Full PDB file with SEQRES, HELIX, SHEET, SSBOND, CRYST1, ORIGX, SCALE, CONECT and MASTER records, all heavy atoms in Angstrom:
SEQRES   1 A   41  LEU ASP VAL PRO PRO ALA LYS ASN ALA ILE ILE LEU THR          
SEQRES   2 A   41  SER SER GLY ASN PRO LEU GLN TRP VAL GLN ARG ARG GLY          
SEQRES   3 A   41  ARG VAL LEU ARG ARG PHE PRO GLY LYS GLU LYS ALA ILE          
SEQRES   4 A   41  ILE TYR                                                      
HELIX    1 AA1 PRO A   18  ARG A   27  1                                  10    
SHEET    1 AA1 2 ASN A   8  ALA A   9  0                                        
SHEET    2 AA1 2 ILE A  39  ILE A  40  1                                        
CRYST1    1.000    1.000    1.000  90.00  90.00  90.00 P 1           1          
ORIGX1      1.000000  0.000000  0.000000        0.00000                         
ORIGX2      0.000000  1.000000  0.000000        0.00000                         
ORIGX3      0.000000  0.000000  1.000000        0.00000                         
SCALE1      1.000000  0.000000  0.000000        0.00000                         
SCALE2      0.000000  1.000000  0.000000        0.00000                         
SCALE3      0.000000  0.000000  1.000000        0.00000                         
ATOM      1  N   LEU A   1      -0.907  -3.727  10.961  1.00  0.00           N  
ATOM      2  CA  LEU A   1      -1.444  -2.415  11.279  1.00  0.00           C  
ATOM      3  C   LEU A   1      -2.348  -1.941  10.151  1.00  0.00           C  
ATOM      4  O   LEU A   1      -1.983  -2.016   8.988  1.00  0.00           O  
ATOM      5  CB  LEU A   1      -0.311  -1.402  11.491  1.00  0.00           C  
ATOM      6  CG  LEU A   1       0.522  -1.582  12.761  1.00  0.00           C  
ATOM      7  CD1 LEU A   1       1.763  -0.713  12.702  1.00  0.00           C  
ATOM      8  CD2 LEU A   1      -0.295  -1.215  13.992  1.00  0.00           C  
ATOM      9  N   ASP A   2      -3.519  -1.444  10.503  1.00  0.00           N  
ATOM     10  CA  ASP A   2      -4.459  -0.936   9.505  1.00  0.00           C  
ATOM     11  C   ASP A   2      -4.300   0.572   9.374  1.00  0.00           C  
ATOM     12  O   ASP A   2      -4.368   1.302  10.366  1.00  0.00           O  
ATOM     13  CB  ASP A   2      -5.903  -1.268   9.901  1.00  0.00           C  
ATOM     14  CG  ASP A   2      -6.291  -2.680   9.528  1.00  0.00           C  
ATOM     15  OD1 ASP A   2      -5.649  -3.233   8.616  1.00  0.00           O  
ATOM     16  OD2 ASP A   2      -7.217  -3.226  10.140  1.00  0.00           O  
ATOM     17  N   VAL A   3      -4.087   1.027   8.149  1.00  0.00           N  
ATOM     18  CA  VAL A   3      -4.056   2.465   7.860  1.00  0.00           C  
ATOM     19  C   VAL A   3      -4.896   2.695   6.600  1.00  0.00           C  
ATOM     20  O   VAL A   3      -4.366   3.087   5.563  1.00  0.00           O  
ATOM     21  CB  VAL A   3      -2.602   2.975   7.679  1.00  0.00           C  
ATOM     22  CG1 VAL A   3      -1.926   3.202   9.000  1.00  0.00           C  
ATOM     23  CG2 VAL A   3      -1.782   2.006   6.828  1.00  0.00           C  
ATOM     24  N   PRO A   4      -6.203   2.436   6.668  1.00  0.00           N  
ATOM     25  CA  PRO A   4      -7.039   2.471   5.463  1.00  0.00           C  
ATOM     26  C   PRO A   4      -7.048   3.787   4.698  1.00  0.00           C  
ATOM     27  O   PRO A   4      -7.259   3.768   3.479  1.00  0.00           O  
ATOM     28  CB  PRO A   4      -8.446   2.127   5.997  1.00  0.00           C  
ATOM     29  CG  PRO A   4      -8.379   2.268   7.476  1.00  0.00           C  
ATOM     30  CD  PRO A   4      -6.969   2.036   7.868  1.00  0.00           C  
ATOM     31  N   PRO A   5      -6.804   4.968   5.339  1.00  0.00           N  
ATOM     32  CA  PRO A   5      -6.773   6.191   4.530  1.00  0.00           C  
ATOM     33  C   PRO A   5      -5.593   6.244   3.558  1.00  0.00           C  
ATOM     34  O   PRO A   5      -5.628   7.017   2.588  1.00  0.00           O  
ATOM     35  CB  PRO A   5      -6.666   7.311   5.571  1.00  0.00           C  
ATOM     36  CG  PRO A   5      -7.062   6.706   6.857  1.00  0.00           C  
ATOM     37  CD  PRO A   5      -6.665   5.271   6.767  1.00  0.00           C  
ATOM     38  N   ALA A   6      -4.534   5.461   3.826  1.00  0.00           N  
ATOM     39  CA  ALA A   6      -3.320   5.525   2.995  1.00  0.00           C  
ATOM     40  C   ALA A   6      -3.656   5.219   1.539  1.00  0.00           C  
ATOM     41  O   ALA A   6      -4.274   4.212   1.234  1.00  0.00           O  
ATOM     42  CB  ALA A   6      -2.278   4.546   3.520  1.00  0.00           C  
ATOM     43  N   LYS A   7      -3.232   6.107   0.641  1.00  0.00           N  
ATOM     44  CA  LYS A   7      -3.542   5.919  -0.773  1.00  0.00           C  
ATOM     45  C   LYS A   7      -2.315   6.015  -1.674  1.00  0.00           C  
ATOM     46  O   LYS A   7      -2.392   5.740  -2.862  1.00  0.00           O  
ATOM     47  CB  LYS A   7      -4.597   6.922  -1.227  1.00  0.00           C  
ATOM     48  CG  LYS A   7      -4.184   8.390  -1.120  1.00  0.00           C  
ATOM     49  CD  LYS A   7      -5.325   9.296  -1.570  1.00  0.00           C  
ATOM     50  CE  LYS A   7      -4.928  10.765  -1.501  1.00  0.00           C  
ATOM     51  NZ  LYS A   7      -6.033  11.649  -1.940  1.00  0.00           N  
ATOM     52  N   ASN A   8      -1.191   6.422  -1.118  1.00  0.00           N  
ATOM     53  CA  ASN A   8       0.067   6.454  -1.863  1.00  0.00           C  
ATOM     54  C   ASN A   8       1.137   5.723  -1.072  1.00  0.00           C  
ATOM     55  O   ASN A   8       1.202   5.837   0.153  1.00  0.00           O  
ATOM     56  CB  ASN A   8       0.540   7.902  -2.097  1.00  0.00           C  
ATOM     57  CG  ASN A   8      -0.402   8.694  -2.971  1.00  0.00           C  
ATOM     58  OD1 ASN A   8      -0.742   8.280  -4.064  1.00  0.00           O  
ATOM     59  ND2 ASN A   8      -0.846   9.844  -2.470  1.00  0.00           N  
ATOM     60  N   ALA A   9       1.976   4.964  -1.769  1.00  0.00           N  
ATOM     61  CA  ALA A   9       3.132   4.334  -1.132  1.00  0.00           C  
ATOM     62  C   ALA A   9       4.350   4.585  -2.001  1.00  0.00           C  
ATOM     63  O   ALA A   9       4.303   4.416  -3.225  1.00  0.00           O  
ATOM     64  CB  ALA A   9       2.908   2.837  -0.957  1.00  0.00           C  
ATOM     65  N   ILE A  10       5.441   5.024  -1.369  1.00  0.00           N  
ATOM     66  CA  ILE A  10       6.707   5.234  -2.071  1.00  0.00           C  
ATOM     67  C   ILE A  10       7.704   4.249  -1.482  1.00  0.00           C  
ATOM     68  O   ILE A  10       7.989   4.280  -0.284  1.00  0.00           O  
ATOM     69  CB  ILE A  10       7.219   6.673  -1.897  1.00  0.00           C  
ATOM     70  CG1 ILE A  10       6.161   7.682  -2.363  1.00  0.00           C  
ATOM     71  CG2 ILE A  10       8.519   6.860  -2.680  1.00  0.00           C  
ATOM     72  CD1 ILE A  10       6.543   9.135  -2.084  1.00  0.00           C  
ATOM     73  N   ILE A  11       8.230   3.374  -2.316  1.00  0.00           N  
ATOM     74  CA  ILE A  11       9.138   2.328  -1.847  1.00  0.00           C  
ATOM     75  C   ILE A  11      10.559   2.651  -2.314  1.00  0.00           C  
ATOM     76  O   ILE A  11      10.880   2.521  -3.489  1.00  0.00           O  
ATOM     77  CB  ILE A  11       8.698   0.950  -2.365  1.00  0.00           C  
ATOM     78  CG1 ILE A  11       7.265   0.655  -1.911  1.00  0.00           C  
ATOM     79  CG2 ILE A  11       9.646  -0.138  -1.873  1.00  0.00           C  
ATOM     80  CD1 ILE A  11       6.687  -0.627  -2.489  1.00  0.00           C  
ATOM     81  N   LEU A  12      11.386   3.098  -1.373  1.00  0.00           N  
ATOM     82  CA  LEU A  12      12.797   3.330  -1.686  1.00  0.00           C  
ATOM     83  C   LEU A  12      13.612   2.060  -1.527  1.00  0.00           C  
ATOM     84  O   LEU A  12      14.650   1.893  -2.171  1.00  0.00           O  
ATOM     85  CB  LEU A  12      13.393   4.409  -0.787  1.00  0.00           C  
ATOM     86  CG  LEU A  12      13.096   5.859  -1.156  1.00  0.00           C  
ATOM     87  CD1 LEU A  12      11.806   6.335  -0.527  1.00  0.00           C  
ATOM     88  CD2 LEU A  12      14.254   6.764  -0.741  1.00  0.00           C  
ATOM     89  N   THR A  13      13.162   1.186  -0.633  1.00  0.00           N  
ATOM     90  CA  THR A  13      13.900  -0.041  -0.347  1.00  0.00           C  
ATOM     91  C   THR A  13      12.941  -1.206  -0.300  1.00  0.00           C  
ATOM     92  O   THR A  13      11.934  -1.160   0.396  1.00  0.00           O  
ATOM     93  CB  THR A  13      14.635   0.057   1.006  1.00  0.00           C  
ATOM     94  OG1 THR A  13      15.579   1.112   0.938  1.00  0.00           O  
ATOM     95  CG2 THR A  13      15.351  -1.239   1.313  1.00  0.00           C  
ATOM     96  N   SER A  14      13.260  -2.240  -1.050  1.00  0.00           N  
ATOM     97  CA  SER A  14      12.461  -3.457  -1.042  1.00  0.00           C  
ATOM     98  C   SER A  14      13.398  -4.646  -1.022  1.00  0.00           C  
ATOM     99  O   SER A  14      14.446  -4.641  -1.664  1.00  0.00           O  
ATOM    100  CB  SER A  14      11.557  -3.521  -2.277  1.00  0.00           C  
ATOM    101  OG  SER A  14      10.764  -4.688  -2.252  1.00  0.00           O  
ATOM    102  N   SER A  15      13.007  -5.668  -0.288  1.00  0.00           N  
ATOM    103  CA  SER A  15      13.870  -6.851  -0.173  1.00  0.00           C  
ATOM    104  C   SER A  15      13.743  -7.771  -1.374  1.00  0.00           C  
ATOM    105  O   SER A  15      14.543  -8.672  -1.559  1.00  0.00           O  
ATOM    106  CB  SER A  15      13.509  -7.627   1.090  1.00  0.00           C  
ATOM    107  OG  SER A  15      12.237  -8.232   0.950  1.00  0.00           O  
ATOM    108  N   GLY A  16      12.704  -7.593  -2.189  1.00  0.00           N  
ATOM    109  CA  GLY A  16      12.430  -8.524  -3.274  1.00  0.00           C  
ATOM    110  C   GLY A  16      11.609  -9.712  -2.813  1.00  0.00           C  
ATOM    111  O   GLY A  16      11.244 -10.566  -3.620  1.00  0.00           O  
ATOM    112  N   ASN A  17      11.311  -9.769  -1.516  1.00  0.00           N  
ATOM    113  CA  ASN A  17      10.478 -10.835  -0.968  1.00  0.00           C  
ATOM    114  C   ASN A  17       9.034 -10.632  -1.423  1.00  0.00           C  
ATOM    115  O   ASN A  17       8.429  -9.605  -1.122  1.00  0.00           O  
ATOM    116  CB  ASN A  17      10.567 -10.788   0.567  1.00  0.00           C  
ATOM    117  CG  ASN A  17       9.801 -11.913   1.221  1.00  0.00           C  
ATOM    118  OD1 ASN A  17       8.715 -12.282   0.786  1.00  0.00           O  
ATOM    119  ND2 ASN A  17      10.366 -12.455   2.285  1.00  0.00           N  
ATOM    120  N   PRO A  18       8.437 -11.607  -2.136  1.00  0.00           N  
ATOM    121  CA  PRO A  18       7.068 -11.436  -2.624  1.00  0.00           C  
ATOM    122  C   PRO A  18       6.063 -11.166  -1.509  1.00  0.00           C  
ATOM    123  O   PRO A  18       5.127 -10.389  -1.688  1.00  0.00           O  
ATOM    124  CB  PRO A  18       6.774 -12.761  -3.336  1.00  0.00           C  
ATOM    125  CG  PRO A  18       8.109 -13.301  -3.706  1.00  0.00           C  
ATOM    126  CD  PRO A  18       9.037 -12.871  -2.602  1.00  0.00           C  
ATOM    127  N   LEU A  19       6.246 -11.799  -0.335  1.00  0.00           N  
ATOM    128  CA  LEU A  19       5.322 -11.587   0.775  1.00  0.00           C  
ATOM    129  C   LEU A  19       5.367 -10.138   1.237  1.00  0.00           C  
ATOM    130  O   LEU A  19       4.326  -9.523   1.488  1.00  0.00           O  
ATOM    131  CB  LEU A  19       5.659 -12.529   1.934  1.00  0.00           C  
ATOM    132  CG  LEU A  19       4.795 -12.370   3.193  1.00  0.00           C  
ATOM    133  CD1 LEU A  19       3.326 -12.607   2.874  1.00  0.00           C  
ATOM    134  CD2 LEU A  19       5.269 -13.327   4.284  1.00  0.00           C  
ATOM    135  N   GLN A  20       6.572  -9.580   1.339  1.00  0.00           N  
ATOM    136  CA  GLN A  20       6.704  -8.180   1.741  1.00  0.00           C  
ATOM    137  C   GLN A  20       6.034  -7.259   0.726  1.00  0.00           C  
ATOM    138  O   GLN A  20       5.359  -6.301   1.094  1.00  0.00           O  
ATOM    139  CB  GLN A  20       8.182  -7.797   1.888  1.00  0.00           C  
ATOM    140  CG  GLN A  20       8.381  -6.372   2.384  1.00  0.00           C  
ATOM    141  CD  GLN A  20       9.829  -5.944   2.366  1.00  0.00           C  
ATOM    142  OE1 GLN A  20      10.388  -5.642   1.319  1.00  0.00           O  
ATOM    143  NE2 GLN A  20      10.457  -5.921   3.536  1.00  0.00           N  
ATOM    144  N   TRP A  21       6.198  -7.582  -0.558  1.00  0.00           N  
ATOM    145  CA  TRP A  21       5.579  -6.774  -1.608  1.00  0.00           C  
ATOM    146  C   TRP A  21       4.063  -6.793  -1.469  1.00  0.00           C  
ATOM    147  O   TRP A  21       3.389  -5.764  -1.557  1.00  0.00           O  
ATOM    148  CB  TRP A  21       6.019  -7.293  -2.969  1.00  0.00           C  
ATOM    149  CG  TRP A  21       5.261  -6.742  -4.135  1.00  0.00           C  
ATOM    150  CD1 TRP A  21       4.476  -7.425  -5.014  1.00  0.00           C  
ATOM    151  CD2 TRP A  21       5.211  -5.378  -4.570  1.00  0.00           C  
ATOM    152  NE1 TRP A  21       3.939  -6.593  -5.957  1.00  0.00           N  
ATOM    153  CE2 TRP A  21       4.376  -5.330  -5.708  1.00  0.00           C  
ATOM    154  CE3 TRP A  21       5.789  -4.186  -4.110  1.00  0.00           C  
ATOM    155  CZ2 TRP A  21       4.094  -4.139  -6.386  1.00  0.00           C  
ATOM    156  CZ3 TRP A  21       5.517  -3.005  -4.800  1.00  0.00           C  
ATOM    157  CH2 TRP A  21       4.684  -3.000  -5.913  1.00  0.00           C  
ATOM    158  N   VAL A  22       3.468  -7.966  -1.225  1.00  0.00           N  
ATOM    159  CA  VAL A  22       2.020  -8.086  -1.061  1.00  0.00           C  
ATOM    160  C   VAL A  22       1.564  -7.307   0.170  1.00  0.00           C  
ATOM    161  O   VAL A  22       0.552  -6.593   0.131  1.00  0.00           O  
ATOM    162  CB  VAL A  22       1.604  -9.569  -0.951  1.00  0.00           C  
ATOM    163  CG1 VAL A  22       0.139  -9.688  -0.539  1.00  0.00           C  
ATOM    164  CG2 VAL A  22       1.825 -10.279  -2.284  1.00  0.00           C  
ATOM    165  N   GLN A  23       2.308  -7.425   1.261  1.00  0.00           N  
ATOM    166  CA  GLN A  23       1.938  -6.724   2.489  1.00  0.00           C  
ATOM    167  C   GLN A  23       1.971  -5.210   2.310  1.00  0.00           C  
ATOM    168  O   GLN A  23       1.052  -4.498   2.746  1.00  0.00           O  
ATOM    169  CB  GLN A  23       2.887  -7.139   3.622  1.00  0.00           C  
ATOM    170  CG  GLN A  23       2.688  -8.571   4.093  1.00  0.00           C  
ATOM    171  CD  GLN A  23       3.806  -9.046   5.006  1.00  0.00           C  
ATOM    172  OE1 GLN A  23       4.876  -8.457   5.030  1.00  0.00           O  
ATOM    173  NE2 GLN A  23       3.553 -10.107   5.741  1.00  0.00           N  
ATOM    174  N   ARG A  24       2.999  -4.721   1.654  1.00  0.00           N  
ATOM    175  CA  ARG A  24       3.100  -3.276   1.461  1.00  0.00           C  
ATOM    176  C   ARG A  24       2.027  -2.767   0.505  1.00  0.00           C  
ATOM    177  O   ARG A  24       1.469  -1.686   0.702  1.00  0.00           O  
ATOM    178  CB  ARG A  24       4.502  -2.916   0.953  1.00  0.00           C  
ATOM    179  CG  ARG A  24       5.563  -3.144   2.004  1.00  0.00           C  
ATOM    180  CD  ARG A  24       6.944  -2.726   1.560  1.00  0.00           C  
ATOM    181  NE  ARG A  24       7.878  -2.825   2.678  1.00  0.00           N  
ATOM    182  CZ  ARG A  24       9.137  -2.413   2.641  1.00  0.00           C  
ATOM    183  NH1 ARG A  24       9.625  -1.883   1.533  1.00  0.00           N  
ATOM    184  NH2 ARG A  24       9.904  -2.519   3.708  1.00  0.00           N  
ATOM    185  N   ARG A  25       1.753  -3.529  -0.510  1.00  0.00           N  
ATOM    186  CA  ARG A  25       0.673  -3.163  -1.434  1.00  0.00           C  
ATOM    187  C   ARG A  25      -0.658  -3.124  -0.685  1.00  0.00           C  
ATOM    188  O   ARG A  25      -1.478  -2.225  -0.882  1.00  0.00           O  
ATOM    189  CB  ARG A  25       0.624  -4.169  -2.577  1.00  0.00           C  
ATOM    190  CG  ARG A  25      -0.427  -3.876  -3.625  1.00  0.00           C  
ATOM    191  CD  ARG A  25      -0.323  -4.831  -4.788  1.00  0.00           C  
ATOM    192  NE  ARG A  25      -0.419  -6.228  -4.371  1.00  0.00           N  
ATOM    193  CZ  ARG A  25      -0.383  -7.259  -5.189  1.00  0.00           C  
ATOM    194  NH1 ARG A  25      -0.202  -7.068  -6.480  1.00  0.00           N  
ATOM    195  NH2 ARG A  25      -0.489  -8.495  -4.736  1.00  0.00           N  
ATOM    196  N   GLY A  26      -0.850  -4.115   0.195  1.00  0.00           N  
ATOM    197  CA  GLY A  26      -2.099  -4.200   0.941  1.00  0.00           C  
ATOM    198  C   GLY A  26      -2.353  -3.022   1.850  1.00  0.00           C  
ATOM    199  O   GLY A  26      -3.514  -2.706   2.147  1.00  0.00           O  
ATOM    200  N   ARG A  27      -1.305  -2.347   2.301  1.00  0.00           N  
ATOM    201  CA  ARG A  27      -1.497  -1.202   3.198  1.00  0.00           C  
ATOM    202  C   ARG A  27      -2.241  -0.051   2.529  1.00  0.00           C  
ATOM    203  O   ARG A  27      -2.852   0.758   3.209  1.00  0.00           O  
ATOM    204  CB  ARG A  27      -0.134  -0.689   3.714  1.00  0.00           C  
ATOM    205  CG  ARG A  27       0.687  -1.667   4.527  1.00  0.00           C  
ATOM    206  CD  ARG A  27       0.169  -1.826   5.965  1.00  0.00           C  
ATOM    207  NE  ARG A  27      -1.022  -2.644   6.046  1.00  0.00           N  
ATOM    208  CZ  ARG A  27      -1.036  -3.977   5.983  1.00  0.00           C  
ATOM    209  NH1 ARG A  27       0.073  -4.636   5.811  1.00  0.00           N  
ATOM    210  NH2 ARG A  27      -2.156  -4.648   6.092  1.00  0.00           N  
ATOM    211  N   VAL A  28      -2.170   0.054   1.206  1.00  0.00           N  
ATOM    212  CA  VAL A  28      -2.805   1.200   0.540  1.00  0.00           C  
ATOM    213  C   VAL A  28      -4.037   0.809  -0.276  1.00  0.00           C  
ATOM    214  O   VAL A  28      -4.641   1.671  -0.919  1.00  0.00           O  
ATOM    215  CB  VAL A  28      -1.804   1.948  -0.376  1.00  0.00           C  
ATOM    216  CG1 VAL A  28      -0.669   2.531   0.434  1.00  0.00           C  
ATOM    217  CG2 VAL A  28      -1.265   1.041  -1.475  1.00  0.00           C  
ATOM    218  N   LEU A  29      -4.418  -0.462  -0.248  1.00  0.00           N  
ATOM    219  CA  LEU A  29      -5.544  -0.904  -1.089  1.00  0.00           C  
ATOM    220  C   LEU A  29      -6.867  -1.007  -0.337  1.00  0.00           C  
ATOM    221  O   LEU A  29      -7.904  -1.258  -0.956  1.00  0.00           O  
ATOM    222  CB  LEU A  29      -5.230  -2.269  -1.728  1.00  0.00           C  
ATOM    223  CG  LEU A  29      -4.042  -2.307  -2.685  1.00  0.00           C  
ATOM    224  CD1 LEU A  29      -3.972  -3.658  -3.387  1.00  0.00           C  
ATOM    225  CD2 LEU A  29      -4.125  -1.195  -3.718  1.00  0.00           C  
ATOM    226  N   ARG A  30      -6.854  -0.785   0.968  1.00  0.00           N  
ATOM    227  CA  ARG A  30      -8.091  -0.888   1.742  1.00  0.00           C  
ATOM    228  C   ARG A  30      -9.067   0.219   1.345  1.00  0.00           C  
ATOM    229  O   ARG A  30      -8.667   1.353   1.091  1.00  0.00           O  
ATOM    230  CB  ARG A  30      -7.795  -0.787   3.243  1.00  0.00           C  
ATOM    231  CG  ARG A  30      -6.843  -1.841   3.771  1.00  0.00           C  
ATOM    232  CD  ARG A  30      -7.487  -3.215   3.798  1.00  0.00           C  
ATOM    233  NE  ARG A  30      -6.580  -4.222   4.311  1.00  0.00           N  
ATOM    234  CZ  ARG A  30      -6.432  -4.519   5.588  1.00  0.00           C  
ATOM    235  NH1 ARG A  30      -7.128  -3.864   6.494  1.00  0.00           N  
ATOM    236  NH2 ARG A  30      -5.589  -5.459   5.957  1.00  0.00           N  
ATOM    237  N   ARG A  31     -10.346  -0.126   1.337  1.00  0.00           N  
ATOM    238  CA  ARG A  31     -11.386   0.862   1.071  1.00  0.00           C  
ATOM    239  C   ARG A  31     -11.449   1.894   2.198  1.00  0.00           C  
ATOM    240  O   ARG A  31     -11.245   1.588   3.359  1.00  0.00           O  
ATOM    241  CB  ARG A  31     -12.748   0.171   0.961  1.00  0.00           C  
ATOM    242  CG  ARG A  31     -13.006  -0.507  -0.369  1.00  0.00           C  
ATOM    243  CD  ARG A  31     -13.364   0.504  -1.432  1.00  0.00           C  
ATOM    244  NE  ARG A  31     -13.499  -0.110  -2.751  1.00  0.00           N  
ATOM    245  CZ  ARG A  31     -13.633   0.584  -3.866  1.00  0.00           C  
ATOM    246  NH1 ARG A  31     -13.614   1.905  -3.815  1.00  0.00           N  
ATOM    247  NH2 ARG A  31     -13.752  -0.023  -5.033  1.00  0.00           N  
ATOM    248  N   PHE A  32     -11.699   3.150   1.805  1.00  0.00           N  
ATOM    249  CA  PHE A  32     -11.862   4.236   2.760  1.00  0.00           C  
ATOM    250  C   PHE A  32     -12.686   5.323   2.073  1.00  0.00           C  
ATOM    251  O   PHE A  32     -12.528   5.545   0.866  1.00  0.00           O  
ATOM    252  CB  PHE A  32     -10.496   4.795   3.184  1.00  0.00           C  
ATOM    253  CG  PHE A  32     -10.557   5.716   4.355  1.00  0.00           C  
ATOM    254  CD1 PHE A  32     -10.692   5.222   5.642  1.00  0.00           C  
ATOM    255  CD2 PHE A  32     -10.494   7.092   4.187  1.00  0.00           C  
ATOM    256  CE1 PHE A  32     -10.750   6.082   6.735  1.00  0.00           C  
ATOM    257  CE2 PHE A  32     -10.544   7.952   5.257  1.00  0.00           C  
ATOM    258  CZ  PHE A  32     -10.680   7.444   6.548  1.00  0.00           C  
ATOM    259  N   PRO A  33     -13.577   5.988   2.810  1.00  0.00           N  
ATOM    260  CA  PRO A  33     -14.424   7.014   2.180  1.00  0.00           C  
ATOM    261  C   PRO A  33     -13.614   8.036   1.404  1.00  0.00           C  
ATOM    262  O   PRO A  33     -12.662   8.620   1.924  1.00  0.00           O  
ATOM    263  CB  PRO A  33     -15.137   7.660   3.374  1.00  0.00           C  
ATOM    264  CG  PRO A  33     -15.189   6.572   4.406  1.00  0.00           C  
ATOM    265  CD  PRO A  33     -13.910   5.796   4.237  1.00  0.00           C  
ATOM    266  N   GLY A  34     -13.970   8.220   0.143  1.00  0.00           N  
ATOM    267  CA  GLY A  34     -13.298   9.200  -0.708  1.00  0.00           C  
ATOM    268  C   GLY A  34     -12.092   8.675  -1.448  1.00  0.00           C  
ATOM    269  O   GLY A  34     -11.548   9.369  -2.310  1.00  0.00           O  
ATOM    270  N   LYS A  35     -11.653   7.458  -1.125  1.00  0.00           N  
ATOM    271  CA  LYS A  35     -10.479   6.893  -1.802  1.00  0.00           C  
ATOM    272  C   LYS A  35     -10.934   6.073  -2.994  1.00  0.00           C  
ATOM    273  O   LYS A  35     -11.555   5.023  -2.837  1.00  0.00           O  
ATOM    274  CB  LYS A  35      -9.645   6.037  -0.850  1.00  0.00           C  
ATOM    275  CG  LYS A  35      -8.383   5.474  -1.516  1.00  0.00           C  
ATOM    276  CD  LYS A  35      -7.364   4.959  -0.510  1.00  0.00           C  
ATOM    277  CE  LYS A  35      -7.784   3.668   0.144  1.00  0.00           C  
ATOM    278  NZ  LYS A  35      -6.719   3.067   0.973  1.00  0.00           N  
ATOM    279  N   GLU A  36     -10.621   6.548  -4.202  1.00  0.00           N  
ATOM    280  CA  GLU A  36     -11.044   5.878  -5.424  1.00  0.00           C  
ATOM    281  C   GLU A  36      -9.979   4.924  -5.966  1.00  0.00           C  
ATOM    282  O   GLU A  36     -10.285   3.948  -6.632  1.00  0.00           O  
ATOM    283  CB  GLU A  36     -11.386   6.913  -6.507  1.00  0.00           C  
ATOM    284  CG  GLU A  36     -12.527   7.855  -6.122  1.00  0.00           C  
ATOM    285  CD  GLU A  36     -13.835   7.111  -5.908  1.00  0.00           C  
ATOM    286  OE1 GLU A  36     -14.062   6.099  -6.607  1.00  0.00           O  
ATOM    287  OE2 GLU A  36     -14.625   7.525  -5.035  1.00  0.00           O  
ATOM    288  N   LYS A  37      -8.707   5.236  -5.697  1.00  0.00           N  
ATOM    289  CA  LYS A  37      -7.631   4.381  -6.172  1.00  0.00           C  
ATOM    290  C   LYS A  37      -6.382   4.633  -5.326  1.00  0.00           C  
ATOM    291  O   LYS A  37      -6.313   5.605  -4.559  1.00  0.00           O  
ATOM    292  CB  LYS A  37      -7.313   4.633  -7.648  1.00  0.00           C  
ATOM    293  CG  LYS A  37      -6.641   5.974  -7.928  1.00  0.00           C  
ATOM    294  CD  LYS A  37      -6.221   6.075  -9.391  1.00  0.00           C  
ATOM    295  CE  LYS A  37      -5.500   7.405  -9.633  1.00  0.00           C  
ATOM    296  NZ  LYS A  37      -5.034   7.537 -11.030  1.00  0.00           N  
ATOM    297  N   ALA A  38      -5.399   3.762  -5.473  1.00  0.00           N  
ATOM    298  CA  ALA A  38      -4.113   3.918  -4.800  1.00  0.00           C  
ATOM    299  C   ALA A  38      -3.013   3.968  -5.854  1.00  0.00           C  
ATOM    300  O   ALA A  38      -3.191   3.493  -6.977  1.00  0.00           O  
ATOM    301  CB  ALA A  38      -3.867   2.763  -3.830  1.00  0.00           C  
ATOM    302  N   ILE A  39      -1.887   4.567  -5.480  1.00  0.00           N  
ATOM    303  CA  ILE A  39      -0.735   4.632  -6.387  1.00  0.00           C  
ATOM    304  C   ILE A  39       0.499   4.151  -5.628  1.00  0.00           C  
ATOM    305  O   ILE A  39       0.763   4.602  -4.507  1.00  0.00           O  
ATOM    306  CB  ILE A  39      -0.495   6.052  -6.927  1.00  0.00           C  
ATOM    307  CG1 ILE A  39      -1.750   6.591  -7.619  1.00  0.00           C  
ATOM    308  CG2 ILE A  39       0.683   6.054  -7.894  1.00  0.00           C  
ATOM    309  CD1 ILE A  39      -1.605   8.011  -8.147  1.00  0.00           C  
ATOM    310  N   ILE A  40       1.241   3.231  -6.248  1.00  0.00           N  
ATOM    311  CA  ILE A  40       2.463   2.703  -5.654  1.00  0.00           C  
ATOM    312  C   ILE A  40       3.650   3.125  -6.518  1.00  0.00           C  
ATOM    313  O   ILE A  40       3.704   2.826  -7.714  1.00  0.00           O  
ATOM    314  CB  ILE A  40       2.417   1.172  -5.549  1.00  0.00           C  
ATOM    315  CG1 ILE A  40       1.239   0.753  -4.653  1.00  0.00           C  
ATOM    316  CG2 ILE A  40       3.733   0.621  -5.009  1.00  0.00           C  
ATOM    317  CD1 ILE A  40       0.979  -0.731  -4.657  1.00  0.00           C  
ATOM    318  N   TYR A  41       4.581   3.859  -5.916  1.00  0.00           N  
ATOM    319  CA  TYR A  41       5.793   4.313  -6.594  1.00  0.00           C  
ATOM    320  C   TYR A  41       6.948   3.433  -6.106  1.00  0.00           C  
ATOM    321  O   TYR A  41       7.232   3.399  -4.908  1.00  0.00           O  
ATOM    322  CB  TYR A  41       6.087   5.773  -6.266  1.00  0.00           C  
ATOM    323  CG  TYR A  41       4.971   6.730  -6.619  1.00  0.00           C  
ATOM    324  CD1 TYR A  41       3.925   6.970  -5.725  1.00  0.00           C  
ATOM    325  CD2 TYR A  41       4.953   7.410  -7.836  1.00  0.00           C  
ATOM    326  CE1 TYR A  41       2.898   7.861  -6.032  1.00  0.00           C  
ATOM    327  CE2 TYR A  41       3.930   8.305  -8.152  1.00  0.00           C  
ATOM    328  CZ  TYR A  41       2.907   8.518  -7.245  1.00  0.00           C  
ATOM    329  OH  TYR A  41       1.899   9.394  -7.550  1.00  0.00           O  
TER     330      TYR A  41                                                      
MASTER        0    0    0    1    2    0    0    6  329    1    0    4          
END                                                                             
């Protein structure tokens, strides 16, 4: 699923699976007008 405006991610639960980590990081790294950076908590 593409959600390019997303710029913050808060992770309360993670499996430790590297693939899941990459996928979740990828959800907030897409370019979108006005988005200069993303923050992952």
